[in-house]
């Protein structure tokens, strides 16, 4: 039980820190929590700057004390209300041999996690 409380506390602190950093940089961020191998993993998707033909989403995953940050470039479809991108995220830096298969939706300057599968096995996380 103490481990769960520490894990949740760490996830909460990571979300707050990511949120504070995003506000300071003028970023638009969305947040999710995914359970990977029984451990909560905080996920944030941040976009900085105005909408453009190409945007970069900064994906950040925090699991306990481990952190993985990576960019995802999305080519925005002109005139579309939403543009989706698929990303495969190896979780080795978070101490897992698994991989996330994500669908990210970009609309109006905001990137949102629509779907998440844990591979192998195609376990639906969202």
C-alpha atoms as a PDB file:
ATOM      1  CA  UNK A   1       0.000   0.000   0.000  1.00  0.00           C
ATOM      2  CA  UNK A   2       2.863   2.376   0.765  1.00  0.00           C
ATOM      3  CA  UNK A   3       4.347   1.705  -2.672  1.00  0.00           C
ATOM      4  CA  UNK A   4       1.013   2.551  -4.318  1.00  0.00           C
ATOM      5  CA  UNK A   5       0.749   5.786  -2.331  1.00  0.00           C
ATOM      6  CA  UNK A   6       4.316   6.776  -3.277  1.00  0.00           C
ATOM      7  CA  UNK A   7       3.653   5.907  -6.917  1.00  0.00           C
ATOM      8  CA  UNK A   8       0.473   7.995  -7.002  1.00  0.00           C
ATOM      9  CA  UNK A   9       2.229  10.848  -5.204  1.00  0.00           C
ATOM     10  CA  UNK A  10       5.067  10.714  -7.744  1.00  0.00           C
ATOM     11  CA  UNK A  11       2.610  10.744 -10.630  1.00  0.00           C
ATOM     12  CA  UNK A  12       0.765  13.722  -9.122  1.00  0.00           C
ATOM     13  CA  UNK A  13       4.006  15.655  -8.641  1.00  0.00           C
ATOM     14  CA  UNK A  14       5.045  14.882 -12.234  1.00  0.00           C
ATOM     15  CA  UNK A  15       1.708  16.180 -13.566  1.00  0.00           C
ATOM     16  CA  UNK A  16       1.983  19.374 -11.521  1.00  0.00           C
ATOM     17  CA  UNK A  17       5.570  19.978 -12.620  1.00  0.00           C
ATOM     18  CA  UNK A  18       4.719  19.336 -16.275  1.00  0.00           C
ATOM     19  CA  UNK A  19       1.707  21.642 -16.012  1.00  0.00           C
ATOM     20  CA  UNK A  20       3.720  24.457 -14.419  1.00  0.00           C
ATOM     21  CA  UNK A  21       6.427  24.167 -17.071  1.00  0.00           C
ATOM     22  CA  UNK A  22       3.822  24.184 -19.836  1.00  0.00           C
ATOM     23  CA  UNK A  23       2.140  27.311 -18.495  1.00  0.00           C
ATOM     24  CA  UNK A  24       5.474  29.093 -18.235  1.00  0.00           C
ATOM     25  CA  UNK A  25       6.253  28.279 -21.888  1.00  0.00           C
ATOM     26  CA  UNK A  26       2.782  29.105 -23.274  1.00  0.00           C
ATOM     27  CA  UNK A  27       2.102  25.499 -24.212  1.00  0.00           C
ATOM     28  CA  UNK A  28      -1.241  23.778 -24.564  1.00  0.00           C
ATOM     29  CA  UNK A  29      -1.105  20.378 -22.829  1.00  0.00           C
ATOM     30  CA  UNK A  30      -3.435  17.461 -22.259  1.00  0.00           C
ATOM     31  CA  UNK A  31      -2.855  14.736 -19.672  1.00  0.00           C
ATOM     32  CA  UNK A  32      -3.754  11.079 -19.241  1.00  0.00           C
ATOM     33  CA  UNK A  33      -2.795   8.267 -16.900  1.00  0.00           C
ATOM     34  CA  UNK A  34      -2.140   4.855 -18.417  1.00  0.00           C
ATOM     35  CA  UNK A  35      -1.617   1.691 -16.385  1.00  0.00           C
ATOM     36  CA  UNK A  36       1.342  -0.183 -17.827  1.00  0.00           C
ATOM     37  CA  UNK A  37       2.257  -3.525 -16.272  1.00  0.00           C
ATOM     38  CA  UNK A  38       0.216  -2.586 -13.205  1.00  0.00           C
ATOM     39  CA  UNK A  39       1.969   0.753 -12.672  1.00  0.00           C
ATOM     40  CA  UNK A  40       0.344   4.154 -13.307  1.00  0.00           C
ATOM     41  CA  UNK A  41       2.166   6.088 -16.010  1.00  0.00           C
ATOM     42  CA  UNK A  42       1.512   9.789 -16.480  1.00  0.00           C
ATOM     43  CA  UNK A  43       1.291  10.886 -20.116  1.00  0.00           C
ATOM     44  CA  UNK A  44       1.221  14.474 -21.347  1.00  0.00           C
ATOM     45  CA  UNK A  45       0.974  15.853 -24.865  1.00  0.00           C
ATOM     46  CA  UNK A  46       2.038  19.491 -25.291  1.00  0.00           C
ATOM     47  CA  UNK A  47       1.945  21.814 -28.287  1.00  0.00           C
ATOM     48  CA  UNK A  48       3.640  25.206 -28.226  1.00  0.00           C
ATOM     49  CA  UNK A  49       3.024  28.072 -30.576  1.00  0.00           C
ATOM     50  CA  UNK A  50       0.091  28.837 -32.856  1.00  0.00           C
ATOM     51  CA  UNK A  51      -1.504  26.273 -35.170  1.00  0.00           C
ATOM     52  CA  UNK A  52       0.594  25.829 -38.320  1.00  0.00           C
ATOM     53  CA  UNK A  53       0.946  23.496 -41.319  1.00  0.00           C
ATOM     54  CA  UNK A  54       3.301  21.360 -39.231  1.00  0.00           C
ATOM     55  CA  UNK A  55       3.266  21.142 -35.443  1.00  0.00           C
ATOM     56  CA  UNK A  56       5.418  19.323 -32.933  1.00  0.00           C
ATOM     57  CA  UNK A  57       3.792  17.565 -30.012  1.00  0.00           C
ATOM     58  CA  UNK A  58       6.071  16.940 -27.047  1.00  0.00           C
ATOM     59  CA  UNK A  59       5.082  13.595 -25.553  1.00  0.00           C
ATOM     60  CA  UNK A  60       6.165  12.987 -21.962  1.00  0.00           C
ATOM     61  CA  UNK A  61       5.697   9.757 -20.025  1.00  0.00           C
ATOM     62  CA  UNK A  62       6.523   9.492 -16.309  1.00  0.00           C
ATOM     63  CA  UNK A  63       6.550   6.193 -14.448  1.00  0.00           C
ATOM     64  CA  UNK A  64       7.795   6.471 -10.872  1.00  0.00           C
ATOM     65  CA  UNK A  65      11.167   8.219 -11.105  1.00  0.00           C
ATOM     66  CA  UNK A  66      11.677   7.359 -14.782  1.00  0.00           C
ATOM     67  CA  UNK A  67      10.858   9.839 -17.542  1.00  0.00           C
ATOM     68  CA  UNK A  68      10.656   9.624 -21.334  1.00  0.00           C
ATOM     69  CA  UNK A  69      10.199  12.728 -23.501  1.00  0.00           C
ATOM     70  CA  UNK A  70      10.041  12.662 -27.285  1.00  0.00           C
ATOM     71  CA  UNK A  71       8.761  14.822 -30.144  1.00  0.00           C
ATOM     72  CA  UNK A  72       6.015  13.843 -32.566  1.00  0.00           C
ATOM     73  CA  UNK A  73       5.722  15.943 -35.736  1.00  0.00           C
ATOM     74  CA  UNK A  74       2.248  16.183 -37.232  1.00  0.00           C
ATOM     75  CA  UNK A  75       1.544  17.466 -40.751  1.00  0.00           C
ATOM     76  CA  UNK A  76      -1.782  19.262 -40.322  1.00  0.00           C
ATOM     77  CA  UNK A  77      -4.336  18.556 -43.046  1.00  0.00           C
ATOM     78  CA  UNK A  78      -5.453  21.929 -44.504  1.00  0.00           C
ATOM     79  CA  UNK A  79      -9.149  22.608 -43.939  1.00  0.00           C
ATOM     80  CA  UNK A  80      -9.709  19.522 -41.775  1.00  0.00           C
ATOM     81  CA  UNK A  81     -11.298  19.944 -38.352  1.00  0.00           C
ATOM     82  CA  UNK A  82      -8.939  17.300 -36.916  1.00  0.00           C
ATOM     83  CA  UNK A  83      -5.673  15.674 -37.989  1.00  0.00           C
ATOM     84  CA  UNK A  84      -4.625  12.341 -36.517  1.00  0.00           C
ATOM     85  CA  UNK A  85      -1.168  10.835 -36.178  1.00  0.00           C
ATOM     86  CA  UNK A  86      -0.061   7.373 -35.117  1.00  0.00           C
ATOM     87  CA  UNK A  87       3.032   6.951 -32.952  1.00  0.00           C
ATOM     88  CA  UNK A  88       4.814   3.874 -31.625  1.00  0.00           C
ATOM     89  CA  UNK A  89       6.634   4.569 -28.368  1.00  0.00           C
ATOM     90  CA  UNK A  90       9.183   2.021 -27.092  1.00  0.00           C
ATOM     91  CA  UNK A  91       9.091   2.005 -23.287  1.00  0.00           C
ATOM     92  CA  UNK A  92      12.647   0.818 -22.603  1.00  0.00           C
ATOM     93  CA  UNK A  93      13.551   4.112 -20.869  1.00  0.00           C
ATOM     94  CA  UNK A  94      10.679   3.456 -18.443  1.00  0.00           C
ATOM     95  CA  UNK A  95      11.969  -0.015 -17.609  1.00  0.00           C
ATOM     96  CA  UNK A  96       9.538  -1.952 -19.800  1.00  0.00           C
ATOM     97  CA  UNK A  97       9.980  -4.183 -22.836  1.00  0.00           C
ATOM     98  CA  UNK A  98       6.513  -3.128 -24.035  1.00  0.00           C
ATOM     99  CA  UNK A  99       5.619  -0.524 -26.649  1.00  0.00           C
ATOM    100  CA  UNK A 100       2.744   1.951 -26.821  1.00  0.00           C
ATOM    101  CA  UNK A 101       0.826   2.302 -30.084  1.00  0.00           C
ATOM    102  CA  UNK A 102      -0.887   5.715 -29.869  1.00  0.00           C
ATOM    103  CA  UNK A 103      -3.372   7.704 -31.911  1.00  0.00           C
ATOM    104  CA  UNK A 104      -3.005  11.441 -31.296  1.00  0.00           C
ATOM    105  CA  UNK A 105      -5.673  13.892 -32.508  1.00  0.00           C
ATOM    106  CA  UNK A 106      -4.667  17.493 -33.200  1.00  0.00           C
ATOM    107  CA  UNK A 107      -7.332  20.174 -33.431  1.00  0.00           C
ATOM    108  CA  UNK A 108      -7.368  23.872 -32.667  1.00  0.00           C
ATOM    109  CA  UNK A 109      -3.850  23.935 -31.258  1.00  0.00           C
ATOM    110  CA  UNK A 110      -4.406  21.013 -28.864  1.00  0.00           C
ATOM    111  CA  UNK A 111      -3.113  17.422 -29.093  1.00  0.00           C
ATOM    112  CA  UNK A 112      -5.219  14.740 -27.395  1.00  0.00           C
ATOM    113  CA  UNK A 113      -4.579  11.051 -26.846  1.00  0.00           C
ATOM    114  CA  UNK A 114      -7.480   9.243 -28.527  1.00  0.00           C
ATOM    115  CA  UNK A 115      -6.365   5.615 -28.376  1.00  0.00           C
ATOM    116  CA  UNK A 116      -3.542   3.673 -26.727  1.00  0.00           C
ATOM    117  CA  UNK A 117      -2.610   0.010 -27.164  1.00  0.00           C
ATOM    118  CA  UNK A 118       0.128  -1.797 -25.271  1.00  0.00           C
ATOM    119  CA  UNK A 119       2.121  -4.110 -27.519  1.00  0.00           C
ATOM    120  CA  UNK A 120       2.711  -6.972 -27.833  1.00  0.00           C
ATOM    121  CA  UNK A 121      -0.734  -8.324 -27.103  1.00  0.00           C
ATOM    122  CA  UNK A 122      -2.771  -5.282 -28.201  1.00  0.00           C
ATOM    123  CA  UNK A 123      -3.973  -4.536 -24.666  1.00  0.00           C
ATOM    124  CA  UNK A 124      -6.326  -1.546 -24.889  1.00  0.00           C
ATOM    125  CA  UNK A 125      -5.294   1.191 -22.429  1.00  0.00           C
ATOM    126  CA  UNK A 126      -7.537   3.908 -23.857  1.00  0.00           C
END
